[in-house]
Amino acid sequence: MNEIMDLLDTNRKGVAEAAIRETEQKLSIRFPDQYVQLFRLANGPEIGEWILFPIKDPNNTKKNMG
C-alpha cells in the first residue's frame, strides 16, 4: 500500500471503515481489501489523471458520493 500512497495526488482525509461498510451494504457488494485500505487512507483519491469517487462520510460532508 505504501507504493500506492506515494502515487496519490491528494491530501484528502480517509473515511471510517463503518462508512465504507455502509456503502457496501447499500450497493450490495463487497469492496476488495486493498480498495478499503486505500479509502481508509484517502477518500476520493487522485492518482495521476484518475479520480475515484469519494464514499459518503458523515464526518465530512463537503465532498461525498450521494
C-alpha atoms as a PDB file:
ATOM      1  CA  MET A   1       0.000   0.000   0.000  1.00  0.00           C
ATOM      2  CA  ASN A   2       2.954   2.357   0.604  1.00  0.00           C
ATOM      3  CA  GLU A   3       3.875   2.356  -3.077  1.00  0.00           C
ATOM      4  CA  ILE A   4       0.319   3.417  -3.931  1.00  0.00           C
ATOM      5  CA  MET A   5       0.340   6.170  -1.302  1.00  0.00           C
ATOM      6  CA  ASP A   6       3.422   7.620  -2.997  1.00  0.00           C
ATOM      7  CA  LEU A   7       1.387   7.940  -6.222  1.00  0.00           C
ATOM      8  CA  LEU A   8      -1.539   9.832  -4.672  1.00  0.00           C
ATOM      9  CA  ASP A   9      -2.010  13.420  -5.785  1.00  0.00           C
ATOM     10  CA  THR A  10      -4.359  14.281  -2.943  1.00  0.00           C
ATOM     11  CA  ASN A  11      -4.285  15.170   0.711  1.00  0.00           C
ATOM     12  CA  ARG A  12      -7.903  14.272   1.440  1.00  0.00           C
ATOM     13  CA  LYS A  13      -8.524  12.514   4.710  1.00  0.00           C
ATOM     14  CA  GLY A  14      -9.555   8.895   4.740  1.00  0.00           C
ATOM     15  CA  VAL A  15     -13.025   7.635   5.542  1.00  0.00           C
ATOM     16  CA  ALA A  16     -14.010   5.460   8.510  1.00  0.00           C
ATOM     17  CA  GLU A  17     -14.402   1.767   7.814  1.00  0.00           C
ATOM     18  CA  ALA A  18     -18.005   1.947   9.069  1.00  0.00           C
ATOM     19  CA  ALA A  19     -18.859   4.337   6.216  1.00  0.00           C
ATOM     20  CA  ILE A  20     -17.177   2.019   3.718  1.00  0.00           C
ATOM     21  CA  ARG A  21     -19.156  -0.973   5.015  1.00  0.00           C
ATOM     22  CA  GLU A  22     -22.393   1.043   4.890  1.00  0.00           C
ATOM     23  CA  THR A  23     -21.702   1.885   1.251  1.00  0.00           C
ATOM     24  CA  GLU A  24     -21.029  -1.780   0.504  1.00  0.00           C
ATOM     25  CA  GLN A  25     -24.342  -2.694   2.091  1.00  0.00           C
ATOM     26  CA  LYS A  26     -26.249  -0.072   0.085  1.00  0.00           C
ATOM     27  CA  LEU A  27     -24.641  -1.265  -3.154  1.00  0.00           C
ATOM     28  CA  SER A  28     -24.968  -4.971  -2.238  1.00  0.00           C
ATOM     29  CA  ILE A  29     -21.282  -5.531  -2.995  1.00  0.00           C
ATOM     30  CA  ARG A  30     -18.041  -6.168  -1.154  1.00  0.00           C
ATOM     31  CA  PHE A  31     -15.037  -3.956  -1.960  1.00  0.00           C
ATOM     32  CA  PRO A  32     -11.627  -5.638  -2.274  1.00  0.00           C
ATOM     33  CA  ASP A  33      -9.445  -5.309   0.833  1.00  0.00           C
ATOM     34  CA  GLN A  34      -6.910  -3.076  -0.937  1.00  0.00           C
ATOM     35  CA  TYR A  35      -9.706  -0.717  -2.039  1.00  0.00           C
ATOM     36  CA  VAL A  36     -10.890  -0.457   1.576  1.00  0.00           C
ATOM     37  CA  GLN A  37      -7.321   0.204   2.748  1.00  0.00           C
ATOM     38  CA  LEU A  38      -6.899   2.923   0.127  1.00  0.00           C
ATOM     39  CA  PHE A  39     -10.117   4.696   1.110  1.00  0.00           C
ATOM     40  CA  ARG A  40      -9.249   4.499   4.793  1.00  0.00           C
ATOM     41  CA  LEU A  41      -6.124   6.497   3.879  1.00  0.00           C
ATOM     42  CA  ALA A  42      -7.661   8.907   1.337  1.00  0.00           C
ATOM     43  CA  ASN A  43     -11.356   9.357   0.488  1.00  0.00           C
ATOM     44  CA  GLY A  44     -11.742  10.142  -3.206  1.00  0.00           C
ATOM     45  CA  PRO A  45      -8.078   9.606  -4.046  1.00  0.00           C
ATOM     46  CA  GLU A  46      -6.483  11.065  -7.159  1.00  0.00           C
ATOM     47  CA  ILE A  47      -3.803   9.031  -8.910  1.00  0.00           C
ATOM     48  CA  GLY A  48      -2.449  10.809 -11.962  1.00  0.00           C
ATOM     49  CA  GLU A  49      -5.443  11.502 -14.215  1.00  0.00           C
ATOM     50  CA  TRP A  50      -7.652   9.045 -12.309  1.00  0.00           C
ATOM     51  CA  ILE A  51     -10.039  10.397  -9.675  1.00  0.00           C
ATOM     52  CA  LEU A  52     -12.020   7.857  -7.673  1.00  0.00           C
ATOM     53  CA  PHE A  53     -15.410   8.965  -6.393  1.00  0.00           C
ATOM     54  CA  PRO A  54     -15.443   9.554  -2.634  1.00  0.00           C
ATOM     55  CA  ILE A  55     -17.523   7.482  -0.248  1.00  0.00           C
ATOM     56  CA  LYS A  56     -20.227   9.257   1.731  1.00  0.00           C
ATOM     57  CA  ASP A  57     -18.709  10.261   5.041  1.00  0.00           C
ATOM     58  CA  PRO A  58     -20.973  11.647   7.774  1.00  0.00           C
ATOM     59  CA  ASN A  59     -17.907  13.279   9.368  1.00  0.00           C
ATOM     60  CA  ASN A  60     -17.002  15.236   6.219  1.00  0.00           C
ATOM     61  CA  THR A  61     -19.979  16.238   4.079  1.00  0.00           C
ATOM     62  CA  LYS A  62     -18.118  18.660   1.777  1.00  0.00           C
ATOM     63  CA  LYS A  63     -17.170  16.033  -0.803  1.00  0.00           C
ATOM     64  CA  ASN A  64     -19.307  12.948  -0.740  1.00  0.00           C
ATOM     65  CA  MET A  65     -20.905  10.496  -3.040  1.00  0.00           C
ATOM     66  CA  GLY A  66     -24.676  10.968  -2.992  1.00  0.00           C
END
